[in-house]
N, C-alpha and C. Protein backbone atom coordinates (compact mmCIF):
# COMPACT_ATOMS: atom_id res chain seq x y z
N MET A 1 -5.47 -20.34 -15.12
CA MET A 1 -4.72 -19.32 -15.86
C MET A 1 -5.68 -18.59 -16.79
N ASP A 2 -5.63 -17.30 -16.75
CA ASP A 2 -6.41 -16.44 -17.62
C ASP A 2 -5.95 -16.65 -19.07
N ASN A 3 -6.90 -16.87 -19.97
CA ASN A 3 -6.57 -17.14 -21.38
C ASN A 3 -5.78 -16.01 -22.02
N GLU A 4 -6.15 -14.77 -21.71
CA GLU A 4 -5.46 -13.62 -22.30
C GLU A 4 -4.00 -13.57 -21.85
N ILE A 5 -3.75 -13.84 -20.57
CA ILE A 5 -2.38 -13.86 -20.06
C ILE A 5 -1.60 -14.99 -20.71
N PHE A 6 -2.21 -16.17 -20.80
CA PHE A 6 -1.54 -17.31 -21.44
C PHE A 6 -1.19 -16.99 -22.88
N GLU A 7 -2.12 -16.39 -23.62
CA GLU A 7 -1.87 -16.06 -25.02
C GLU A 7 -0.74 -15.05 -25.16
N ARG A 8 -0.69 -14.08 -24.27
CA ARG A 8 0.40 -13.09 -24.33
C ARG A 8 1.74 -13.75 -24.03
N ALA A 9 1.76 -14.64 -23.05
CA ALA A 9 3.00 -15.36 -22.73
C ALA A 9 3.42 -16.24 -23.90
N GLU A 10 2.47 -16.89 -24.52
CA GLU A 10 2.75 -17.75 -25.67
C GLU A 10 3.30 -16.94 -26.84
N GLN A 11 2.72 -15.77 -27.11
CA GLN A 11 3.21 -14.91 -28.19
C GLN A 11 4.63 -14.42 -27.91
N LEU A 12 4.87 -14.02 -26.67
CA LEU A 12 6.21 -13.59 -26.28
C LEU A 12 7.19 -14.73 -26.48
N GLY A 13 6.82 -15.92 -26.06
CA GLY A 13 7.69 -17.08 -26.22
C GLY A 13 8.02 -17.36 -27.67
N GLY A 14 7.03 -17.26 -28.54
CA GLY A 14 7.26 -17.48 -29.96
C GLY A 14 8.27 -16.49 -30.53
N LEU A 15 8.13 -15.24 -30.12
CA LEU A 15 9.04 -14.19 -30.58
C LEU A 15 10.46 -14.43 -30.07
N LEU A 16 10.57 -14.73 -28.77
CA LEU A 16 11.90 -14.98 -28.19
C LEU A 16 12.55 -16.20 -28.81
N LYS A 17 11.79 -17.27 -28.94
CA LYS A 17 12.33 -18.51 -29.50
C LYS A 17 12.79 -18.30 -30.94
N ALA A 18 12.01 -17.58 -31.73
CA ALA A 18 12.37 -17.32 -33.12
C ALA A 18 13.67 -16.52 -33.23
N ARG A 19 13.94 -15.69 -32.23
CA ARG A 19 15.15 -14.87 -32.25
C ARG A 19 16.29 -15.50 -31.46
N GLY A 20 16.05 -16.67 -30.88
CA GLY A 20 17.10 -17.34 -30.12
C GLY A 20 17.47 -16.61 -28.85
N LYS A 21 16.48 -15.97 -28.23
CA LYS A 21 16.75 -15.17 -27.02
C LYS A 21 16.01 -15.75 -25.82
N LYS A 22 16.51 -15.35 -24.62
CA LYS A 22 15.89 -15.77 -23.36
C LYS A 22 15.55 -14.54 -22.53
N ILE A 23 14.58 -14.70 -21.66
CA ILE A 23 14.14 -13.62 -20.80
C ILE A 23 14.27 -14.03 -19.33
N ALA A 24 14.48 -13.03 -18.49
CA ALA A 24 14.44 -13.20 -17.03
C ALA A 24 13.44 -12.17 -16.51
N THR A 25 12.85 -12.47 -15.37
CA THR A 25 11.90 -11.55 -14.75
C THR A 25 12.39 -11.14 -13.37
N ALA A 26 12.05 -9.92 -13.00
CA ALA A 26 12.32 -9.41 -11.65
C ALA A 26 11.00 -8.81 -11.17
N GLU A 27 10.39 -9.45 -10.19
CA GLU A 27 9.04 -9.08 -9.79
C GLU A 27 8.96 -8.69 -8.32
N SER A 28 8.19 -7.66 -8.07
CA SER A 28 7.87 -7.27 -6.71
C SER A 28 6.37 -7.46 -6.50
N CYS A 29 5.56 -6.51 -6.94
CA CYS A 29 4.12 -6.54 -6.64
C CYS A 29 3.39 -7.72 -7.25
N THR A 30 3.93 -8.35 -8.28
CA THR A 30 3.27 -9.50 -8.90
C THR A 30 3.69 -10.83 -8.28
N GLY A 31 4.68 -10.82 -7.43
CA GLY A 31 5.05 -11.99 -6.65
C GLY A 31 5.35 -13.25 -7.44
N GLY A 32 5.84 -13.13 -8.65
CA GLY A 32 6.19 -14.31 -9.45
C GLY A 32 5.13 -14.68 -10.48
N TRP A 33 4.07 -13.91 -10.58
CA TRP A 33 2.98 -14.23 -11.50
C TRP A 33 3.43 -14.19 -12.96
N ILE A 34 4.34 -13.27 -13.30
CA ILE A 34 4.82 -13.20 -14.68
C ILE A 34 5.60 -14.47 -15.02
N ALA A 35 6.48 -14.89 -14.13
CA ALA A 35 7.24 -16.13 -14.34
C ALA A 35 6.32 -17.33 -14.40
N GLN A 36 5.29 -17.34 -13.57
CA GLN A 36 4.32 -18.44 -13.58
C GLN A 36 3.59 -18.50 -14.92
N ALA A 37 3.21 -17.33 -15.44
CA ALA A 37 2.52 -17.29 -16.73
C ALA A 37 3.43 -17.80 -17.85
N ILE A 38 4.68 -17.41 -17.81
CA ILE A 38 5.64 -17.84 -18.83
C ILE A 38 5.83 -19.35 -18.77
N THR A 39 6.01 -19.88 -17.57
CA THR A 39 6.29 -21.32 -17.45
C THR A 39 5.04 -22.18 -17.65
N GLU A 40 3.90 -21.56 -17.77
CA GLU A 40 2.67 -22.28 -18.12
C GLU A 40 2.71 -22.70 -19.60
N VAL A 41 3.50 -22.02 -20.40
CA VAL A 41 3.60 -22.29 -21.83
C VAL A 41 4.53 -23.49 -22.04
N PRO A 42 4.04 -24.54 -22.69
CA PRO A 42 4.90 -25.69 -22.97
C PRO A 42 6.13 -25.26 -23.78
N GLY A 43 7.28 -25.77 -23.40
CA GLY A 43 8.51 -25.46 -24.10
C GLY A 43 9.17 -24.17 -23.67
N SER A 44 8.66 -23.54 -22.62
CA SER A 44 9.20 -22.25 -22.18
C SER A 44 10.65 -22.34 -21.70
N SER A 45 11.11 -23.53 -21.40
CA SER A 45 12.51 -23.66 -20.97
C SER A 45 13.47 -23.25 -22.08
N ALA A 46 13.01 -23.20 -23.32
CA ALA A 46 13.84 -22.77 -24.44
C ALA A 46 14.05 -21.26 -24.45
N TRP A 47 13.20 -20.52 -23.76
CA TRP A 47 13.28 -19.05 -23.83
C TRP A 47 13.12 -18.32 -22.50
N PHE A 48 12.93 -19.07 -21.41
CA PHE A 48 12.85 -18.45 -20.08
C PHE A 48 14.03 -18.93 -19.25
N ASP A 49 14.83 -17.98 -18.76
CA ASP A 49 16.01 -18.34 -17.99
C ASP A 49 15.69 -18.47 -16.50
N ARG A 50 15.15 -17.41 -15.90
CA ARG A 50 14.87 -17.44 -14.47
C ARG A 50 14.04 -16.24 -14.06
N GLY A 51 13.48 -16.36 -12.85
CA GLY A 51 12.72 -15.25 -12.29
C GLY A 51 13.20 -14.93 -10.88
N PHE A 52 13.18 -13.66 -10.56
CA PHE A 52 13.53 -13.17 -9.23
C PHE A 52 12.27 -12.57 -8.61
N VAL A 53 11.89 -13.05 -7.45
CA VAL A 53 10.81 -12.42 -6.70
C VAL A 53 11.47 -11.64 -5.58
N THR A 54 11.48 -10.33 -5.74
CA THR A 54 12.19 -9.45 -4.80
C THR A 54 11.18 -8.51 -4.17
N TYR A 55 10.41 -9.05 -3.25
CA TYR A 55 9.32 -8.30 -2.63
C TYR A 55 9.84 -7.25 -1.66
N SER A 56 10.87 -7.59 -0.91
CA SER A 56 11.40 -6.64 0.07
C SER A 56 12.52 -5.80 -0.56
N ASN A 57 12.80 -4.66 0.06
CA ASN A 57 13.92 -3.84 -0.40
C ASN A 57 15.23 -4.60 -0.26
N ALA A 58 15.37 -5.36 0.83
CA ALA A 58 16.59 -6.14 1.04
C ALA A 58 16.80 -7.12 -0.11
N ALA A 59 15.75 -7.76 -0.56
CA ALA A 59 15.86 -8.71 -1.68
C ALA A 59 16.25 -7.98 -2.96
N LYS A 60 15.70 -6.81 -3.18
CA LYS A 60 16.06 -6.03 -4.36
C LYS A 60 17.56 -5.71 -4.35
N ILE A 61 18.08 -5.36 -3.19
CA ILE A 61 19.50 -5.03 -3.05
C ILE A 61 20.35 -6.29 -3.20
N GLN A 62 20.02 -7.34 -2.46
CA GLN A 62 20.84 -8.55 -2.43
C GLN A 62 20.80 -9.34 -3.73
N MET A 63 19.65 -9.50 -4.32
CA MET A 63 19.51 -10.36 -5.49
C MET A 63 19.72 -9.64 -6.82
N LEU A 64 19.40 -8.34 -6.84
CA LEU A 64 19.44 -7.61 -8.11
C LEU A 64 20.43 -6.46 -8.14
N GLY A 65 21.00 -6.14 -6.99
CA GLY A 65 21.96 -5.05 -6.94
C GLY A 65 21.35 -3.66 -7.01
N VAL A 66 20.06 -3.55 -6.67
CA VAL A 66 19.45 -2.22 -6.61
C VAL A 66 20.20 -1.43 -5.54
N LYS A 67 20.51 -0.19 -5.82
CA LYS A 67 21.28 0.63 -4.89
C LYS A 67 20.41 1.13 -3.74
N GLN A 68 20.95 1.08 -2.54
CA GLN A 68 20.26 1.60 -1.36
C GLN A 68 19.89 3.07 -1.59
N GLY A 69 20.79 3.82 -2.20
CA GLY A 69 20.54 5.23 -2.47
C GLY A 69 19.35 5.45 -3.40
N THR A 70 19.18 4.56 -4.36
CA THR A 70 18.03 4.66 -5.27
C THR A 70 16.73 4.47 -4.50
N LEU A 71 16.72 3.46 -3.63
CA LEU A 71 15.52 3.20 -2.82
C LEU A 71 15.22 4.36 -1.88
N GLU A 72 16.27 4.94 -1.30
CA GLU A 72 16.07 6.06 -0.38
C GLU A 72 15.60 7.32 -1.11
N GLN A 73 16.19 7.58 -2.26
CA GLN A 73 15.86 8.82 -2.98
C GLN A 73 14.54 8.74 -3.73
N TYR A 74 14.27 7.61 -4.39
CA TYR A 74 13.10 7.51 -5.26
C TYR A 74 12.01 6.59 -4.73
N GLY A 75 12.38 5.67 -3.85
CA GLY A 75 11.43 4.70 -3.32
C GLY A 75 11.45 3.41 -4.10
N ALA A 76 10.90 2.36 -3.48
CA ALA A 76 10.86 1.06 -4.14
C ALA A 76 9.96 1.09 -5.36
N VAL A 77 8.94 1.92 -5.32
CA VAL A 77 8.01 2.04 -6.44
C VAL A 77 8.39 3.30 -7.22
N SER A 78 9.27 3.09 -8.20
CA SER A 78 9.77 4.21 -9.00
C SER A 78 10.35 3.68 -10.30
N ALA A 79 10.45 4.58 -11.27
CA ALA A 79 11.06 4.21 -12.55
C ALA A 79 12.51 3.81 -12.34
N GLU A 80 13.20 4.55 -11.48
CA GLU A 80 14.62 4.28 -11.23
C GLU A 80 14.84 2.88 -10.65
N THR A 81 14.00 2.51 -9.68
CA THR A 81 14.12 1.18 -9.08
C THR A 81 13.77 0.10 -10.09
N ALA A 82 12.72 0.31 -10.87
CA ALA A 82 12.33 -0.69 -11.88
C ALA A 82 13.46 -0.91 -12.88
N MET A 83 14.13 0.17 -13.31
CA MET A 83 15.23 0.01 -14.26
C MET A 83 16.42 -0.72 -13.64
N GLU A 84 16.72 -0.42 -12.39
CA GLU A 84 17.81 -1.13 -11.72
C GLU A 84 17.46 -2.60 -11.49
N MET A 85 16.20 -2.88 -11.25
CA MET A 85 15.77 -4.27 -11.12
C MET A 85 15.97 -5.02 -12.43
N ALA A 86 15.58 -4.41 -13.55
CA ALA A 86 15.75 -5.05 -14.86
C ALA A 86 17.24 -5.26 -15.16
N ALA A 87 18.04 -4.24 -14.89
CA ALA A 87 19.49 -4.36 -15.11
C ALA A 87 20.08 -5.47 -14.25
N GLY A 88 19.63 -5.57 -13.01
CA GLY A 88 20.11 -6.61 -12.11
C GLY A 88 19.71 -8.00 -12.56
N ALA A 89 18.52 -8.12 -13.11
CA ALA A 89 18.08 -9.43 -13.62
C ALA A 89 18.96 -9.85 -14.80
N LEU A 90 19.31 -8.91 -15.64
CA LEU A 90 20.21 -9.23 -16.76
C LEU A 90 21.60 -9.60 -16.26
N GLU A 91 22.09 -8.83 -15.32
CA GLU A 91 23.44 -9.05 -14.79
C GLU A 91 23.56 -10.41 -14.08
N ASN A 92 22.49 -10.85 -13.46
CA ASN A 92 22.52 -12.07 -12.65
C ASN A 92 21.81 -13.24 -13.31
N SER A 93 21.80 -13.25 -14.63
CA SER A 93 21.16 -14.35 -15.36
C SER A 93 21.89 -14.57 -16.68
N ASP A 94 21.41 -15.55 -17.42
CA ASP A 94 21.93 -15.81 -18.77
C ASP A 94 20.95 -15.29 -19.82
N ALA A 95 20.02 -14.43 -19.41
CA ALA A 95 18.99 -13.92 -20.31
C ALA A 95 19.53 -12.81 -21.19
N ASP A 96 18.84 -12.61 -22.30
CA ASP A 96 19.16 -11.54 -23.24
C ASP A 96 18.33 -10.29 -22.96
N CYS A 97 17.18 -10.49 -22.31
CA CYS A 97 16.32 -9.36 -21.95
C CYS A 97 15.63 -9.67 -20.62
N ALA A 98 15.16 -8.61 -20.00
CA ALA A 98 14.53 -8.76 -18.69
C ALA A 98 13.33 -7.83 -18.58
N CYS A 99 12.41 -8.26 -17.77
CA CYS A 99 11.24 -7.46 -17.45
C CYS A 99 11.19 -7.33 -15.93
N ALA A 100 10.96 -6.11 -15.44
CA ALA A 100 10.88 -5.87 -14.00
C ALA A 100 9.62 -5.08 -13.67
N VAL A 101 9.00 -5.43 -12.56
CA VAL A 101 7.79 -4.72 -12.12
C VAL A 101 7.89 -4.40 -10.63
N THR A 102 7.43 -3.20 -10.29
CA THR A 102 7.34 -2.79 -8.90
C THR A 102 6.15 -1.84 -8.79
N GLY A 103 5.35 -2.03 -7.76
CA GLY A 103 4.16 -1.19 -7.66
C GLY A 103 3.44 -1.34 -6.34
N ILE A 104 2.31 -0.66 -6.27
CA ILE A 104 1.46 -0.68 -5.07
C ILE A 104 0.13 -1.32 -5.46
N ALA A 105 -0.02 -2.58 -5.09
CA ALA A 105 -1.22 -3.33 -5.46
C ALA A 105 -2.38 -3.11 -4.48
N GLY A 106 -2.08 -2.60 -3.30
CA GLY A 106 -3.13 -2.30 -2.33
C GLY A 106 -3.55 -3.49 -1.51
N PRO A 107 -4.56 -3.34 -0.71
CA PRO A 107 -5.41 -2.15 -0.62
C PRO A 107 -4.77 -0.98 0.13
N ASP A 108 -3.66 -1.23 0.83
CA ASP A 108 -2.98 -0.17 1.57
C ASP A 108 -1.67 0.18 0.88
N GLY A 109 -1.00 1.20 1.41
CA GLY A 109 0.34 1.54 0.95
C GLY A 109 0.43 2.70 0.00
N GLY A 110 -0.69 3.15 -0.52
CA GLY A 110 -0.67 4.26 -1.46
C GLY A 110 -0.47 5.61 -0.77
N THR A 111 -0.01 6.56 -1.53
CA THR A 111 0.14 7.95 -1.07
C THR A 111 -0.51 8.85 -2.11
N GLN A 112 -0.57 10.12 -1.82
CA GLN A 112 -1.13 11.06 -2.80
C GLN A 112 -0.28 11.07 -4.07
N GLU A 113 1.03 11.01 -3.90
CA GLU A 113 1.97 11.00 -5.03
C GLU A 113 1.95 9.68 -5.79
N LYS A 114 1.81 8.58 -5.04
CA LYS A 114 1.79 7.24 -5.63
C LYS A 114 0.62 6.47 -5.02
N PRO A 115 -0.57 6.68 -5.59
CA PRO A 115 -1.75 6.00 -5.04
C PRO A 115 -1.74 4.50 -5.36
N VAL A 116 -2.58 3.76 -4.67
CA VAL A 116 -2.75 2.34 -4.96
C VAL A 116 -3.03 2.19 -6.46
N GLY A 117 -2.37 1.24 -7.08
CA GLY A 117 -2.50 1.02 -8.52
C GLY A 117 -1.34 1.59 -9.32
N THR A 118 -0.44 2.33 -8.65
CA THR A 118 0.75 2.85 -9.32
C THR A 118 1.73 1.71 -9.54
N VAL A 119 2.13 1.51 -10.78
CA VAL A 119 3.06 0.43 -11.12
C VAL A 119 4.07 0.94 -12.13
N PHE A 120 5.32 0.55 -11.94
CA PHE A 120 6.38 0.84 -12.91
C PHE A 120 6.82 -0.49 -13.51
N ILE A 121 6.87 -0.52 -14.84
CA ILE A 121 7.28 -1.72 -15.56
C ILE A 121 8.47 -1.33 -16.43
N ALA A 122 9.56 -2.08 -16.28
CA ALA A 122 10.77 -1.81 -17.06
C ALA A 122 11.13 -3.03 -17.88
N TRP A 123 11.63 -2.77 -19.07
CA TRP A 123 12.15 -3.82 -19.95
C TRP A 123 13.55 -3.38 -20.37
N GLN A 124 14.45 -4.33 -20.39
CA GLN A 124 15.82 -4.01 -20.81
C GLN A 124 16.42 -5.22 -21.51
N CYS A 125 17.19 -4.95 -22.56
CA CYS A 125 17.88 -6.01 -23.28
C CYS A 125 19.37 -5.73 -23.32
N LYS A 126 20.14 -6.79 -23.43
CA LYS A 126 21.59 -6.65 -23.46
C LYS A 126 22.06 -5.86 -24.66
N ASN A 127 21.27 -5.81 -25.73
CA ASN A 127 21.65 -5.03 -26.91
C ASN A 127 21.47 -3.54 -26.69
N GLY A 128 21.02 -3.15 -25.50
CA GLY A 128 20.91 -1.74 -25.17
C GLY A 128 19.50 -1.18 -25.17
N GLY A 129 18.54 -1.90 -25.73
CA GLY A 129 17.17 -1.41 -25.73
C GLY A 129 16.59 -1.44 -24.32
N SER A 130 15.94 -0.34 -23.93
CA SER A 130 15.32 -0.31 -22.61
C SER A 130 14.14 0.67 -22.63
N GLU A 131 13.22 0.42 -21.72
CA GLU A 131 12.05 1.27 -21.59
C GLU A 131 11.47 1.08 -20.19
N VAL A 132 10.92 2.14 -19.65
CA VAL A 132 10.20 2.05 -18.39
C VAL A 132 8.94 2.88 -18.52
N ILE A 133 7.85 2.35 -18.02
CA ILE A 133 6.58 3.08 -18.07
C ILE A 133 5.96 3.11 -16.68
N ARG A 134 5.17 4.14 -16.44
CA ARG A 134 4.38 4.24 -15.22
C ARG A 134 2.93 4.03 -15.62
N LYS A 135 2.26 3.14 -14.91
CA LYS A 135 0.84 2.88 -15.15
C LYS A 135 0.07 3.18 -13.87
N GLN A 136 -1.17 3.58 -14.06
CA GLN A 136 -2.08 3.78 -12.93
C GLN A 136 -3.26 2.85 -13.16
N PHE A 137 -3.19 1.66 -12.58
CA PHE A 137 -4.25 0.68 -12.75
C PHE A 137 -5.33 0.88 -11.70
N ALA A 138 -6.54 0.48 -12.07
CA ALA A 138 -7.69 0.59 -11.15
C ALA A 138 -8.17 -0.81 -10.79
N GLY A 139 -8.85 -0.89 -9.65
CA GLY A 139 -9.43 -2.16 -9.24
C GLY A 139 -8.90 -2.62 -7.90
N ASN A 140 -9.23 -3.84 -7.57
CA ASN A 140 -8.75 -4.41 -6.31
C ASN A 140 -7.34 -4.97 -6.51
N ARG A 141 -6.79 -5.51 -5.46
CA ARG A 141 -5.40 -6.01 -5.49
C ARG A 141 -5.18 -7.00 -6.63
N ARG A 142 -6.05 -7.98 -6.76
CA ARG A 142 -5.90 -8.99 -7.81
C ARG A 142 -5.99 -8.36 -9.20
N GLN A 143 -6.92 -7.44 -9.39
CA GLN A 143 -7.08 -6.79 -10.69
C GLN A 143 -5.86 -5.96 -11.07
N ILE A 144 -5.31 -5.26 -10.10
CA ILE A 144 -4.10 -4.45 -10.35
C ILE A 144 -2.94 -5.36 -10.73
N ARG A 145 -2.77 -6.43 -10.00
CA ARG A 145 -1.68 -7.36 -10.30
C ARG A 145 -1.86 -8.01 -11.68
N LYS A 146 -3.09 -8.37 -12.00
CA LYS A 146 -3.38 -9.01 -13.29
C LYS A 146 -3.09 -8.06 -14.45
N GLN A 147 -3.48 -6.80 -14.32
CA GLN A 147 -3.21 -5.81 -15.36
C GLN A 147 -1.70 -5.60 -15.52
N THR A 148 -0.99 -5.67 -14.41
CA THR A 148 0.47 -5.52 -14.46
C THR A 148 1.10 -6.67 -15.24
N VAL A 149 0.67 -7.89 -14.96
CA VAL A 149 1.20 -9.07 -15.67
C VAL A 149 0.94 -8.95 -17.17
N LYS A 150 -0.29 -8.62 -17.53
CA LYS A 150 -0.64 -8.49 -18.96
C LYS A 150 0.23 -7.45 -19.65
N THR A 151 0.36 -6.29 -19.03
CA THR A 151 1.14 -5.21 -19.62
C THR A 151 2.62 -5.58 -19.72
N ALA A 152 3.13 -6.23 -18.70
CA ALA A 152 4.54 -6.64 -18.72
C ALA A 152 4.82 -7.63 -19.86
N LEU A 153 3.94 -8.57 -20.05
CA LEU A 153 4.14 -9.59 -21.09
C LEU A 153 4.06 -9.02 -22.50
N GLU A 154 3.27 -8.01 -22.69
CA GLU A 154 3.11 -7.50 -24.06
C GLU A 154 4.12 -6.43 -24.43
N GLY A 155 4.86 -5.91 -23.45
CA GLY A 155 5.73 -4.78 -23.75
C GLY A 155 7.20 -5.07 -23.87
N VAL A 156 7.59 -6.31 -23.86
CA VAL A 156 9.03 -6.64 -23.89
C VAL A 156 9.67 -6.07 -25.14
N VAL A 157 10.75 -5.31 -24.95
CA VAL A 157 11.49 -4.73 -26.07
C VAL A 157 12.62 -5.68 -26.45
N LEU A 158 12.71 -5.99 -27.71
CA LEU A 158 13.79 -6.88 -28.18
C LEU A 158 14.69 -6.07 -29.03
């Protein structure tokens, strides 16, 4: 485990635990890495509810309730899909907030509009706070995924 990722997960856990809140994750391009980082922290069961790995569009629809129309109109890698993933994680968990990621880690799959390294990260809380950002990460597949995990862990809105 990368020390920086562990430290970010630990800081997030301290904040969530202090506020009596839990988080759920909905991951596509990171394949469960965010949940793995969170559960690496001792005592994370106090503040981590569950993680959804929804790599396929079918999984996004079935597990998180992402709308087929959203996927058709905007694509799996979009702000709209990331927000629906976060909302679905909240709806299908006991968490107070959720983090969702969807992107193109490469080496293939990029387009001119959405090149390799394009990632959307969404955070949403039951109290109504939400945010989605688009990032353009550089590097190989592992580096893109690692940057996504770090950014996701540090940006949770409470």
